[in-house]
Amino acid sequence: GINAEYMGTFRLAKMAETVAQIDERLAADEITQLSPDESKFADAALAGLTPEQRAQIAALDVLLTVRGYQTYNPRLEETNKALKMIADWRDKVDFYTFLKSRLPVDTEFHQFWPEFVYGEDKYGHIVVGMRFEQIDTDTMEKVIHSHVPDEDHSSESSLMLRLQGQKMACLTHFKDKKSKASGTQRYKHIIVADLSGLGMSILGSHKRGIIKAIMDVGANYFPESVWKIFLINAPFVFRAIWAVVKPWIHPITVAKIHVLGGPKDSLKKMIESGIPESALPPWVGGSHPGTPIITILQDMIKENSSDEALTKKLESAVDLV
């Protein structure tokens, strides 16, 4: 669970600092590598993995897990459990092939849960946008069911959750690539979600279960990845929905969530938070056209396939010499 003392300190710190000061401090923390204290947690967590898992997991994955679980108590035990859970999940879902080859019905999955990458805030965090009126979990589930009829979609290794894991892996790699190109480490992203069209049907247990299972992929296996979440056009029913959704989300993440009104009010608030109009989608009053995540993913897979093919050719050429 959450360390009550830490949360108390966190709340006091928040009271003493302005939102802008907190943002500056957290953005400065984000660019740093593991501290000597954090390295102790990283070493202990790595010791709990198999040699194969240790060889595959990236230093950034370890850093995100150590920082993502810093508020948990007992911290050492919870961090160890988390990194082992992530490594075991990766083994189950064949994670390290996600950016090398396409999964079945990936186009349809992204068609019925479309997300786009827009611009960046003043710190370099990318903006990811989605509109709930474009999300169709019923049709998405039918398409996946036709491909794997006997599968439990809420199982952590199901095709649906592997497709979500692939999407998250794509975003993680995209952020890492941008960080390396800019020379500034930014592993968090901003989510802008338009809640227009979000009705009471989401409160039905089945649909709620599907959305929760998809959200859990990010929460459980991609820690420390969100900078802020802006929910715009929150309908009247949102209070009821929020009461259902809130317990699924970590308290620190809840503190990052901003529930906003219509586009005009939302645009002003997001600009105040350091996101320029040019980095935001048109449906919130911005001017960025956005790129579908499926496009970024397919480009990555093509690039990685080309790299692998070139490596194999070079290895063959060396064998012939």
C-alpha atoms as a PDB file:
ATOM      1  CA  GLY A   1       0.000   0.000   0.000  1.00  0.00           C
ATOM      2  CA  ILE A   2       0.910   3.667  -0.035  1.00  0.00           C
ATOM      3  CA  ASN A   3       3.168   4.939   2.706  1.00  0.00           C
ATOM      4  CA  ALA A   4       0.903   7.258   4.774  1.00  0.00           C
ATOM      5  CA  GLU A   5       3.854   9.301   6.047  1.00  0.00           C
ATOM      6  CA  TYR A   6       5.106   9.856   2.496  1.00  0.00           C
ATOM      7  CA  MET A   7       1.617  10.883   1.330  1.00  0.00           C
ATOM      8  CA  GLY A   8       1.351  13.336   4.221  1.00  0.00           C
ATOM      9  CA  THR A   9       4.707  14.845   3.284  1.00  0.00           C
ATOM     10  CA  PHE A  10       3.645  14.869  -0.381  1.00  0.00           C
ATOM     11  CA  ARG A  11       0.459  16.821   0.498  1.00  0.00           C
ATOM     12  CA  LEU A  12       2.371  19.316   2.659  1.00  0.00           C
ATOM     13  CA  ALA A  13       4.916  19.814  -0.115  1.00  0.00           C
ATOM     14  CA  LYS A  14       2.075  20.414  -2.559  1.00  0.00           C
ATOM     15  CA  MET A  15       0.576  23.027  -0.225  1.00  0.00           C
ATOM     16  CA  ALA A  16       3.925  24.785   0.150  1.00  0.00           C
ATOM     17  CA  GLU A  17       4.654  24.819  -3.583  1.00  0.00           C
ATOM     18  CA  THR A  18       2.682  26.230  -6.488  1.00  0.00           C
ATOM     19  CA  VAL A  19       1.663  23.858  -9.281  1.00  0.00           C
ATOM     20  CA  ALA A  20       4.279  25.490 -11.533  1.00  0.00           C
ATOM     21  CA  GLN A  21       7.009  24.878  -8.925  1.00  0.00           C
ATOM     22  CA  ILE A  22       5.987  21.231  -8.535  1.00  0.00           C
ATOM     23  CA  ASP A  23       6.092  20.801 -12.329  1.00  0.00           C
ATOM     24  CA  GLU A  24       9.567  22.344 -12.513  1.00  0.00           C
ATOM     25  CA  ARG A  25      10.834  20.059  -9.739  1.00  0.00           C
ATOM     26  CA  LEU A  26       9.354  16.891 -11.227  1.00  0.00           C
ATOM     27  CA  ALA A  27      10.580  17.778 -14.726  1.00  0.00           C
ATOM     28  CA  ALA A  28      14.095  18.313 -13.301  1.00  0.00           C
ATOM     29  CA  ASP A  29      13.923  14.920 -11.509  1.00  0.00           C
ATOM     30  CA  GLU A  30      12.887  13.213 -14.743  1.00  0.00           C
ATOM     31  CA  ILE A  31      16.106  14.059 -16.609  1.00  0.00           C
ATOM     32  CA  THR A  32      18.315  12.492 -13.908  1.00  0.00           C
ATOM     33  CA  GLN A  33      19.700   8.963 -13.892  1.00  0.00           C
ATOM     34  CA  LEU A  34      19.356   6.651 -10.876  1.00  0.00           C
ATOM     35  CA  SER A  35      20.717   8.161  -7.667  1.00  0.00           C
ATOM     36  CA  PRO A  36      22.977   6.024  -5.403  1.00  0.00           C
ATOM     37  CA  ASP A  37      19.950   5.401  -3.150  1.00  0.00           C
ATOM     38  CA  GLU A  38      17.744   4.404  -6.111  1.00  0.00           C
ATOM     39  CA  SER A  39      20.523   2.152  -7.426  1.00  0.00           C
ATOM     40  CA  LYS A  40      20.271   0.018  -4.266  1.00  0.00           C
ATOM     41  CA  PHE A  41      16.590  -0.662  -5.067  1.00  0.00           C
ATOM     42  CA  ALA A  42      17.447  -1.307  -8.720  1.00  0.00           C
ATOM     43  CA  ASP A  43      20.183  -3.829  -7.843  1.00  0.00           C
ATOM     44  CA  ALA A  44      17.914  -5.664  -5.394  1.00  0.00           C
ATOM     45  CA  ALA A  45      15.065  -5.846  -7.942  1.00  0.00           C
ATOM     46  CA  LEU A  46      17.382  -7.089 -10.716  1.00  0.00           C
ATOM     47  CA  ALA A  47      18.694  -9.807  -8.384  1.00  0.00           C
ATOM     48  CA  GLY A  48      15.176 -11.266  -8.295  1.00  0.00           C
ATOM     49  CA  LEU A  49      15.055 -11.825 -12.067  1.00  0.00           C
ATOM     50  CA  THR A  50      16.314 -14.834 -14.009  1.00  0.00           C
ATOM     51  CA  PRO A  51      19.615 -14.351 -15.920  1.00  0.00           C
ATOM     52  CA  GLU A  52      17.606 -14.291 -19.195  1.00  0.00           C
ATOM     53  CA  GLN A  53      15.264 -11.606 -17.855  1.00  0.00           C
ATOM     54  CA  ARG A  54      18.191  -9.505 -16.618  1.00  0.00           C
ATOM     55  CA  ALA A  55      19.841  -9.721 -20.043  1.00  0.00           C
ATOM     56  CA  GLN A  56      16.703  -8.462 -21.814  1.00  0.00           C
ATOM     57  CA  ILE A  57      15.326  -5.766 -19.517  1.00  0.00           C
ATOM     58  CA  ALA A  58      16.546  -2.242 -20.309  1.00  0.00           C
ATOM     59  CA  ALA A  59      18.100   0.167 -17.807  1.00  0.00           C
ATOM     60  CA  LEU A  60      15.197   2.565 -18.471  1.00  0.00           C
ATOM     61  CA  ASP A  61      12.670  -0.139 -17.489  1.00  0.00           C
ATOM     62  CA  VAL A  62      14.439  -0.566 -14.158  1.00  0.00           C
ATOM     63  CA  LEU A  63      14.597   3.206 -13.551  1.00  0.00           C
ATOM     64  CA  LEU A  64      10.851   3.574 -14.259  1.00  0.00           C
ATOM     65  CA  THR A  65       9.979   0.731 -11.889  1.00  0.00           C
ATOM     66  CA  VAL A  66      12.174   2.059  -9.069  1.00  0.00           C
ATOM     67  CA  ARG A  67      10.634   5.539  -9.395  1.00  0.00           C
ATOM     68  CA  GLY A  68       7.122   4.274 -10.022  1.00  0.00           C
ATOM     69  CA  TYR A  69       7.127   2.371  -6.720  1.00  0.00           C
ATOM     70  CA  GLN A  70       8.904   4.930  -4.521  1.00  0.00           C
ATOM     71  CA  THR A  71       5.664   5.723  -2.632  1.00  0.00           C
ATOM     72  CA  TYR A  72       4.901   2.090  -1.805  1.00  0.00           C
ATOM     73  CA  ASN A  73       5.549   0.528   1.569  1.00  0.00           C
ATOM     74  CA  PRO A  74       7.602  -1.573   2.129  1.00  0.00           C
ATOM     75  CA  ARG A  75       9.352   0.024  -0.839  1.00  0.00           C
ATOM     76  CA  LEU A  76      12.072  -2.602  -1.357  1.00  0.00           C
ATOM     77  CA  GLU A  77       9.671  -5.534  -1.353  1.00  0.00           C
ATOM     78  CA  GLU A  78       7.100  -3.786  -3.572  1.00  0.00           C
ATOM     79  CA  THR A  79       9.759  -2.672  -6.104  1.00  0.00           C
ATOM     80  CA  ASN A  80      11.182  -6.212  -6.274  1.00  0.00           C
ATOM     81  CA  LYS A  81       7.689  -7.671  -6.790  1.00  0.00           C
ATOM     82  CA  ALA A  82       6.858  -5.095  -9.466  1.00  0.00           C
ATOM     83  CA  LEU A  83       9.969  -5.648 -11.597  1.00  0.00           C
ATOM     84  CA  LYS A  84       9.517  -9.431 -11.357  1.00  0.00           C
ATOM     85  CA  MET A  85       5.837  -9.089 -12.315  1.00  0.00           C
ATOM     86  CA  ILE A  86       6.793  -6.977 -15.367  1.00  0.00           C
ATOM     87  CA  ALA A  87       9.556  -9.400 -16.440  1.00  0.00           C
ATOM     88  CA  ASP A  88       7.280 -12.449 -16.027  1.00  0.00           C
ATOM     89  CA  TRP A  89       4.493 -10.747 -18.006  1.00  0.00           C
ATOM     90  CA  ARG A  90       6.952  -9.958 -20.782  1.00  0.00           C
ATOM     91  CA  ASP A  91       7.901 -13.642 -20.969  1.00  0.00           C
ATOM     92  CA  LYS A  92       4.212 -14.660 -21.170  1.00  0.00           C
ATOM     93  CA  VAL A  93       3.254 -12.219 -23.940  1.00  0.00           C
ATOM     94  CA  ASP A  94       6.479 -12.474 -25.985  1.00  0.00           C
ATOM     95  CA  PHE A  95       7.051  -8.760 -25.346  1.00  0.00           C
ATOM     96  CA  TYR A  96      10.402  -8.484 -27.111  1.00  0.00           C
ATOM     97  CA  THR A  97       8.778  -9.321 -30.471  1.00  0.00           C
ATOM     98  CA  PHE A  98       6.171  -6.523 -30.167  1.00  0.00           C
ATOM     99  CA  LEU A  99       8.234  -4.014 -32.157  1.00  0.00           C
ATOM    100  CA  LYS A 100       9.574  -6.605 -34.600  1.00  0.00           C
ATOM    101  CA  SER A 101       6.375  -8.127 -35.977  1.00  0.00           C
ATOM    102  CA  ARG A 102       2.705  -7.261 -36.261  1.00  0.00           C
ATOM    103  CA  LEU A 103       0.061  -8.966 -34.138  1.00  0.00           C
ATOM    104  CA  PRO A 104      -3.195 -10.345 -35.589  1.00  0.00           C
ATOM    105  CA  VAL A 105      -6.044  -7.797 -36.024  1.00  0.00           C
ATOM    106  CA  ASP A 106      -3.773  -4.916 -34.979  1.00  0.00           C
ATOM    107  CA  THR A 107      -5.338  -2.578 -37.578  1.00  0.00           C
ATOM    108  CA  GLU A 108      -8.844  -3.320 -36.257  1.00  0.00           C
ATOM    109  CA  PHE A 109      -7.770  -2.930 -32.615  1.00  0.00           C
ATOM    110  CA  HIS A 110      -6.414   0.553 -33.340  1.00  0.00           C
ATOM    111  CA  GLN A 111      -9.449   1.356 -35.512  1.00  0.00           C
ATOM    112  CA  PHE A 112     -11.830   0.711 -32.609  1.00  0.00           C
ATOM    113  CA  TRP A 113      -9.601   2.299 -29.934  1.00  0.00           C
ATOM    114  CA  PRO A 114      -7.763   5.002 -31.908  1.00  0.00           C
ATOM    115  CA  GLU A 115      -5.075   7.128 -30.260  1.00  0.00           C
ATOM    116  CA  PHE A 116      -2.911   9.816 -31.823  1.00  0.00           C
ATOM    117  CA  VAL A 117       0.435  11.406 -30.975  1.00  0.00           C
ATOM    118  CA  TYR A 118       0.418  15.206 -31.228  1.00  0.00           C
ATOM    119  CA  GLY A 119       3.111  17.741 -30.253  1.00  0.00           C
ATOM    120  CA  GLU A 120       5.108  18.372 -27.056  1.00  0.00           C
ATOM    121  CA  ASP A 121       4.802  20.558 -23.974  1.00  0.00           C
ATOM    122  CA  LYS A 122       7.503  23.026 -22.929  1.00  0.00           C
ATOM    123  CA  TYR A 123       9.477  20.245 -21.241  1.00  0.00           C
ATOM    124  CA  GLY A 124       9.353  17.840 -24.195  1.00  0.00           C
ATOM    125  CA  HIS A 125       6.524  15.505 -23.052  1.00  0.00           C
ATOM    126  CA  ILE A 126       4.552  14.196 -26.037  1.00  0.00           C
ATOM    127  CA  VAL A 127       0.775  14.660 -26.134  1.00  0.00           C
ATOM    128  CA  VAL A 128      -1.340  11.530 -26.739  1.00  0.00           C
ATOM    129  CA  GLY A 129      -4.983  12.136 -27.583  1.00  0.00           C
ATOM    130  CA  MET A 130      -8.107   9.995 -27.708  1.00  0.00           C
ATOM    131  CA  ARG A 131     -11.839  10.618 -28.110  1.00  0.00           C
ATOM    132  CA  PHE A 132     -14.237   8.305 -26.316  1.00  0.00           C
ATOM    133  CA  GLU A 133     -16.905   8.737 -29.003  1.00  0.00           C
ATOM    134  CA  GLN A 134     -14.481   6.965 -31.397  1.00  0.00           C
ATOM    135  CA  ILE A 135     -13.851   4.021 -29.037  1.00  0.00           C
ATOM    136  CA  ASP A 136     -15.974   0.959 -29.788  1.00  0.00           C
ATOM    137  CA  THR A 137     -15.111  -1.844 -27.361  1.00  0.00           C
ATOM    138  CA  ASP A 138     -18.071  -3.984 -28.456  1.00  0.00           C
ATOM    139  CA  THR A 139     -16.985  -4.229 -32.103  1.00  0.00           C
ATOM    140  CA  MET A 140     -13.329  -4.515 -31.090  1.00  0.00           C
ATOM    141  CA  GLU A 141     -14.182  -7.455 -28.857  1.00  0.00           C
ATOM    142  CA  LYS A 142     -16.218  -9.156 -31.618  1.00  0.00           C
ATOM    143  CA  VAL A 143     -13.320  -8.844 -34.096  1.00  0.00           C
ATOM    144  CA  ILE A 144     -10.822 -10.268 -31.582  1.00  0.00           C
ATOM    145  CA  HIS A 145     -13.291 -13.002 -30.584  1.00  0.00           C
ATOM    146  CA  SER A 146     -13.651 -14.081 -34.240  1.00  0.00           C
ATOM    147  CA  HIS A 147      -9.862 -14.537 -34.341  1.00  0.00           C
ATOM    148  CA  VAL A 148      -9.470 -16.277 -30.953  1.00  0.00           C
ATOM    149  CA  PRO A 149     -12.995 -17.542 -30.064  1.00  0.00           C
ATOM    150  CA  ASP A 150     -12.067 -19.469 -26.911  1.00  0.00           C
ATOM    151  CA  GLU A 151      -9.872 -16.830 -25.294  1.00  0.00           C
ATOM    152  CA  ASP A 152     -10.665 -14.936 -22.085  1.00  0.00           C
ATOM    153  CA  HIS A 153     -10.058 -11.307 -23.132  1.00  0.00           C
ATOM    154  CA  SER A 154      -9.299 -10.240 -19.567  1.00  0.00           C
ATOM    155  CA  SER A 155      -6.446 -12.790 -19.267  1.00  0.00           C
ATOM    156  CA  GLU A 156      -3.118 -10.956 -19.026  1.00  0.00           C
ATOM    157  CA  SER A 157      -1.740 -12.845 -22.048  1.00  0.00           C
ATOM    158  CA  SER A 158      -4.898 -12.489 -24.196  1.00  0.00           C
ATOM    159  CA  LEU A 159      -4.606 -11.084 -27.712  1.00  0.00           C
ATOM    160  CA  MET A 160      -6.512  -7.926 -26.723  1.00  0.00           C
ATOM    161  CA  LEU A 161      -4.127  -7.145 -23.877  1.00  0.00           C
ATOM    162  CA  ARG A 162      -1.078  -8.058 -25.982  1.00  0.00           C
ATOM    163  CA  LEU A 163      -2.311  -5.529 -28.559  1.00  0.00           C
ATOM    164  CA  GLN A 164      -2.549  -2.895 -25.800  1.00  0.00           C
ATOM    165  CA  GLY A 165       0.893  -3.926 -24.529  1.00  0.00           C
ATOM    166  CA  GLN A 166       2.265  -3.493 -28.054  1.00  0.00           C
ATOM    167  CA  LYS A 167       0.731   0.004 -28.196  1.00  0.00           C
ATOM    168  CA  MET A 168       2.346   0.921 -24.866  1.00  0.00           C
ATOM    169  CA  ALA A 169       5.704  -0.562 -25.960  1.00  0.00           C
ATOM    170  CA  CYS A 170       5.498   1.567 -29.107  1.00  0.00           C
ATOM    171  CA  LEU A 171       4.883   4.736 -27.050  1.00  0.00           C
ATOM    172  CA  THR A 172       7.747   3.883 -24.667  1.00  0.00           C
ATOM    173  CA  HIS A 173      10.156   3.354 -27.572  1.00  0.00           C
ATOM    174  CA  PHE A 174       8.912   6.522 -29.316  1.00  0.00           C
ATOM    175  CA  LYS A 175       9.569   8.622 -26.185  1.00  0.00           C
ATOM    176  CA  ASP A 176      12.987   7.026 -25.680  1.00  0.00           C
ATOM    177  CA  LYS A 177      13.950   7.711 -29.300  1.00  0.00           C
ATOM    178  CA  LYS A 178      12.881  11.360 -28.985  1.00  0.00           C
ATOM    179  CA  SER A 179      14.801  11.678 -25.699  1.00  0.00           C
ATOM    180  CA  LYS A 180      17.987  10.376 -27.312  1.00  0.00           C
ATOM    181  CA  ALA A 181      17.544  12.712 -30.306  1.00  0.00           C
ATOM    182  CA  SER A 182      17.004  15.782 -28.083  1.00  0.00           C
ATOM    183  CA  GLY A 183      19.561  14.820 -25.427  1.00  0.00           C
ATOM    184  CA  THR A 184      16.929  15.319 -22.672  1.00  0.00           C
ATOM    185  CA  GLN A 185      15.400  12.281 -20.960  1.00  0.00           C
ATOM    186  CA  ARG A 186      11.591  12.430 -21.053  1.00  0.00           C
ATOM    187  CA  TYR A 187       9.868   9.124 -20.258  1.00  0.00           C
ATOM    188  CA  LYS A 188       6.420  10.522 -19.398  1.00  0.00           C
ATOM    189  CA  HIS A 189       3.635  11.561 -21.749  1.00  0.00           C
ATOM    190  CA  ILE A 190       0.494  13.693 -21.523  1.00  0.00           C
ATOM    191  CA  ILE A 191      -2.942  12.196 -22.143  1.00  0.00           C
ATOM    192  CA  VAL A 192      -5.748  14.389 -23.491  1.00  0.00           C
ATOM    193  CA  ALA A 193      -9.053  12.504 -23.543  1.00  0.00           C
ATOM    194  CA  ASP A 194     -12.287  13.917 -24.941  1.00  0.00           C
ATOM    195  CA  LEU A 195     -15.132  12.417 -22.898  1.00  0.00           C
ATOM    196  CA  SER A 196     -17.917  13.554 -25.261  1.00  0.00           C
ATOM    197  CA  GLY A 197     -20.240  10.672 -25.992  1.00  0.00           C
ATOM    198  CA  LEU A 198     -19.287   8.818 -22.833  1.00  0.00           C
ATOM    199  CA  GLY A 199     -22.618   7.426 -21.633  1.00  0.00           C
ATOM    200  CA  MET A 200     -23.994   5.291 -18.847  1.00  0.00           C
ATOM    201  CA  SER A 201     -23.254   2.106 -20.843  1.00  0.00           C
ATOM    202  CA  ILE A 202     -19.671   2.305 -19.528  1.00  0.00           C
ATOM    203  CA  LEU A 203     -21.045   1.480 -16.084  1.00  0.00           C
ATOM    204  CA  GLY A 204     -22.205  -1.943 -17.302  1.00  0.00           C
ATOM    205  CA  SER A 205     -20.002  -4.595 -15.736  1.00  0.00           C
ATOM    206  CA  HIS A 206     -18.822  -6.179 -19.007  1.00  0.00           C
ATOM    207  CA  LYS A 207     -17.792  -2.984 -20.811  1.00  0.00           C
ATOM    208  CA  ARG A 208     -16.283  -1.649 -17.582  1.00  0.00           C
ATOM    209  CA  GLY A 209     -14.271  -4.872 -17.267  1.00  0.00           C
ATOM    210  CA  ILE A 210     -12.861  -4.529 -20.799  1.00  0.00           C
ATOM    211  CA  ILE A 211     -11.852  -0.878 -20.272  1.00  0.00           C
ATOM    212  CA  LYS A 212     -10.344  -1.684 -16.866  1.00  0.00           C
ATOM    213  CA  ALA A 213      -8.346  -4.598 -18.311  1.00  0.00           C
ATOM    214  CA  ILE A 214      -6.941  -2.345 -21.050  1.00  0.00           C
ATOM    215  CA  MET A 215      -6.131   0.460 -18.577  1.00  0.00           C
ATOM    216  CA  ASP A 216      -4.454  -2.048 -16.238  1.00  0.00           C
ATOM    217  CA  VAL A 217      -1.850  -2.917 -18.898  1.00  0.00           C
ATOM    218  CA  GLY A 218      -0.407   0.592 -18.596  1.00  0.00           C
ATOM    219  CA  ALA A 219      -0.848   0.800 -14.814  1.00  0.00           C
ATOM    220  CA  ASN A 220       0.745  -2.598 -14.069  1.00  0.00           C
ATOM    221  CA  TYR A 221       3.434  -3.051 -16.710  1.00  0.00           C
ATOM    222  CA  PHE A 222       4.424   0.502 -17.726  1.00  0.00           C
ATOM    223  CA  PRO A 223       4.965   2.404 -14.447  1.00  0.00           C
ATOM    224  CA  GLU A 224       5.913   6.078 -14.219  1.00  0.00           C
ATOM    225  CA  SER A 225       4.824   6.808 -17.803  1.00  0.00           C
ATOM    226  CA  VAL A 226       2.210   9.582 -17.379  1.00  0.00           C
ATOM    227  CA  TRP A 227       2.977  13.278 -16.793  1.00  0.00           C
ATOM    228  CA  LYS A 228      -0.593  14.646 -16.751  1.00  0.00           C
ATOM    229  CA  ILE A 229      -4.074  13.617 -17.850  1.00  0.00           C
ATOM    230  CA  PHE A 230      -6.565  16.200 -19.129  1.00  0.00           C
ATOM    231  CA  LEU A 231     -10.187  15.038 -19.371  1.00  0.00           C
ATOM    232  CA  ILE A 232     -12.229  17.460 -21.470  1.00  0.00           C
ATOM    233  CA  ASN A 233     -15.953  17.747 -22.211  1.00  0.00           C
ATOM    234  CA  ALA A 234     -16.777  15.724 -19.082  1.00  0.00           C
ATOM    235  CA  PRO A 235     -20.504  14.908 -19.395  1.00  0.00           C
ATOM    236  CA  PHE A 236     -23.024  15.079 -16.551  1.00  0.00           C
ATOM    237  CA  VAL A 237     -22.719  11.344 -15.883  1.00  0.00           C
ATOM    238  CA  PHE A 238     -18.976  11.688 -15.325  1.00  0.00           C
ATOM    239  CA  ARG A 239     -19.231  11.973 -11.536  1.00  0.00           C
ATOM    240  CA  ALA A 240     -20.810   8.518 -11.397  1.00  0.00           C
ATOM    241  CA  ILE A 241     -18.228   7.138 -13.834  1.00  0.00           C
ATOM    242  CA  TRP A 242     -15.364   8.790 -11.949  1.00  0.00           C
ATOM    243  CA  ALA A 243     -16.522   7.106  -8.735  1.00  0.00           C
ATOM    244  CA  VAL A 244     -16.171   3.750 -10.515  1.00  0.00           C
ATOM    245  CA  VAL A 245     -12.858   4.495 -12.254  1.00  0.00           C
ATOM    246  CA  LYS A 246     -11.027   6.269  -9.411  1.00  0.00           C
ATOM    247  CA  PRO A 247     -10.278   3.142  -7.308  1.00  0.00           C
ATOM    248  CA  TRP A 248      -8.451   1.582 -10.296  1.00  0.00           C
ATOM    249  CA  ILE A 249      -5.967   4.437 -10.376  1.00  0.00           C
ATOM    250  CA  HIS A 250      -2.945   5.084  -8.147  1.00  0.00           C
ATOM    251  CA  PRO A 251      -3.428   8.117  -5.803  1.00  0.00           C
ATOM    252  CA  ILE A 252      -0.349   9.839  -7.250  1.00  0.00           C
ATOM    253  CA  THR A 253      -1.861   9.443 -10.732  1.00  0.00           C
ATOM    254  CA  VAL A 254      -5.206  10.783  -9.487  1.00  0.00           C
ATOM    255  CA  ALA A 255      -3.332  13.941  -8.456  1.00  0.00           C
ATOM    256  CA  LYS A 256      -2.198  14.358 -12.086  1.00  0.00           C
ATOM    257  CA  ILE A 257      -5.739  14.235 -13.471  1.00  0.00           C
ATOM    258  CA  HIS A 258      -7.448  17.470 -14.509  1.00  0.00           C
ATOM    259  CA  VAL A 259     -11.198  17.324 -15.209  1.00  0.00           C
ATOM    260  CA  LEU A 260     -12.022  20.219 -17.528  1.00  0.00           C
ATOM    261  CA  GLY A 261     -15.055  21.691 -19.284  1.00  0.00           C
ATOM    262  CA  GLY A 262     -15.474  22.555 -22.959  1.00  0.00           C
ATOM    263  CA  PRO A 263     -12.665  23.125 -25.492  1.00  0.00           C
ATOM    264  CA  LYS A 264     -12.315  26.892 -24.848  1.00  0.00           C
ATOM    265  CA  ASP A 265     -11.791  26.480 -21.094  1.00  0.00           C
ATOM    266  CA  SER A 266      -9.668  23.348 -21.621  1.00  0.00           C
ATOM    267  CA  LEU A 267      -7.384  24.997 -24.178  1.00  0.00           C
ATOM    268  CA  LYS A 268      -6.687  27.883 -21.779  1.00  0.00           C
ATOM    269  CA  LYS A 269      -5.879  25.497 -18.891  1.00  0.00           C
ATOM    270  CA  MET A 270      -3.574  23.342 -21.032  1.00  0.00           C
ATOM    271  CA  ILE A 271      -1.710  26.371 -22.392  1.00  0.00           C
ATOM    272  CA  GLU A 272      -1.256  27.514 -18.760  1.00  0.00           C
ATOM    273  CA  SER A 273       0.199  24.048 -18.039  1.00  0.00           C
ATOM    274  CA  GLY A 274       2.895  24.572 -20.676  1.00  0.00           C
ATOM    275  CA  ILE A 275       1.328  22.896 -23.712  1.00  0.00           C
ATOM    276  CA  PRO A 276       1.268  25.270 -26.716  1.00  0.00           C
ATOM    277  CA  GLU A 277      -1.804  25.432 -28.971  1.00  0.00           C
ATOM    278  CA  SER A 278       0.390  24.119 -31.821  1.00  0.00           C
ATOM    279  CA  ALA A 279       0.936  20.847 -29.885  1.00  0.00           C
ATOM    280  CA  LEU A 280      -2.762  20.133 -29.251  1.00  0.00           C
ATOM    281  CA  PRO A 281      -5.425  18.417 -31.391  1.00  0.00           C
ATOM    282  CA  PRO A 282      -7.970  20.453 -33.380  1.00  0.00           C
ATOM    283  CA  TRP A 283     -10.870  19.026 -31.336  1.00  0.00           C
ATOM    284  CA  VAL A 284      -9.610  20.918 -28.288  1.00  0.00           C
ATOM    285  CA  GLY A 285      -8.840  24.118 -30.241  1.00  0.00           C
ATOM    286  CA  GLY A 286      -5.268  23.218 -31.176  1.00  0.00           C
ATOM    287  CA  SER A 287      -3.682  22.993 -34.610  1.00  0.00           C
ATOM    288  CA  HIS A 288      -1.590  19.804 -34.540  1.00  0.00           C
ATOM    289  CA  PRO A 289      -2.858  17.206 -37.074  1.00  0.00           C
ATOM    290  CA  GLY A 290      -1.579  14.239 -35.034  1.00  0.00           C
ATOM    291  CA  THR A 291      -0.220  10.867 -36.141  1.00  0.00           C
ATOM    292  CA  PRO A 292      -2.117   7.620 -35.447  1.00  0.00           C
ATOM    293  CA  ILE A 293      -0.172   5.354 -33.062  1.00  0.00           C
ATOM    294  CA  ILE A 294      -0.769   2.445 -35.471  1.00  0.00           C
ATOM    295  CA  THR A 295       1.216   4.388 -38.134  1.00  0.00           C
ATOM    296  CA  ILE A 296       4.123   4.976 -35.722  1.00  0.00           C
ATOM    297  CA  LEU A 297       4.001   1.302 -34.687  1.00  0.00           C
ATOM    298  CA  GLN A 298       4.006  -0.051 -38.241  1.00  0.00           C
ATOM    299  CA  ASP A 299       6.905   2.257 -39.184  1.00  0.00           C
ATOM    300  CA  MET A 300       8.867   0.958 -36.165  1.00  0.00           C
ATOM    301  CA  ILE A 301       8.209  -2.659 -37.135  1.00  0.00           C
ATOM    302  CA  LYS A 302       9.321  -1.991 -40.740  1.00  0.00           C
ATOM    303  CA  GLU A 303      12.478  -0.267 -39.493  1.00  0.00           C
ATOM    304  CA  ASN A 304      13.293  -3.087 -37.066  1.00  0.00           C
ATOM    305  CA  SER A 305      12.575  -5.736 -39.724  1.00  0.00           C
ATOM    306  CA  SER A 306      14.954  -3.951 -42.121  1.00  0.00           C
ATOM    307  CA  ASP A 307      17.627  -3.753 -39.402  1.00  0.00           C
ATOM    308  CA  GLU A 308      17.237  -7.471 -38.644  1.00  0.00           C
ATOM    309  CA  ALA A 309      17.375  -8.396 -42.338  1.00  0.00           C
ATOM    310  CA  LEU A 310      20.538  -6.293 -42.786  1.00  0.00           C
ATOM    311  CA  THR A 311      22.135  -7.924 -39.712  1.00  0.00           C
ATOM    312  CA  LYS A 312      21.351 -11.388 -41.093  1.00  0.00           C
ATOM    313  CA  LYS A 313      22.850 -10.442 -44.490  1.00  0.00           C
ATOM    314  CA  LEU A 314      25.997  -9.135 -42.806  1.00  0.00           C
ATOM    315  CA  GLU A 315      26.257 -12.318 -40.681  1.00  0.00           C
ATOM    316  CA  SER A 316      25.851 -14.427 -43.828  1.00  0.00           C
ATOM    317  CA  ALA A 317      28.536 -12.398 -45.601  1.00  0.00           C
ATOM    318  CA  VAL A 318      30.897 -12.889 -42.641  1.00  0.00           C
ATOM    319  CA  ASP A 319      30.215 -16.659 -42.710  1.00  0.00           C
ATOM    320  CA  LEU A 320      31.157 -16.759 -46.392  1.00  0.00           C
ATOM    321  CA  VAL A 321      34.479 -15.015 -45.823  1.00  0.00           C
END
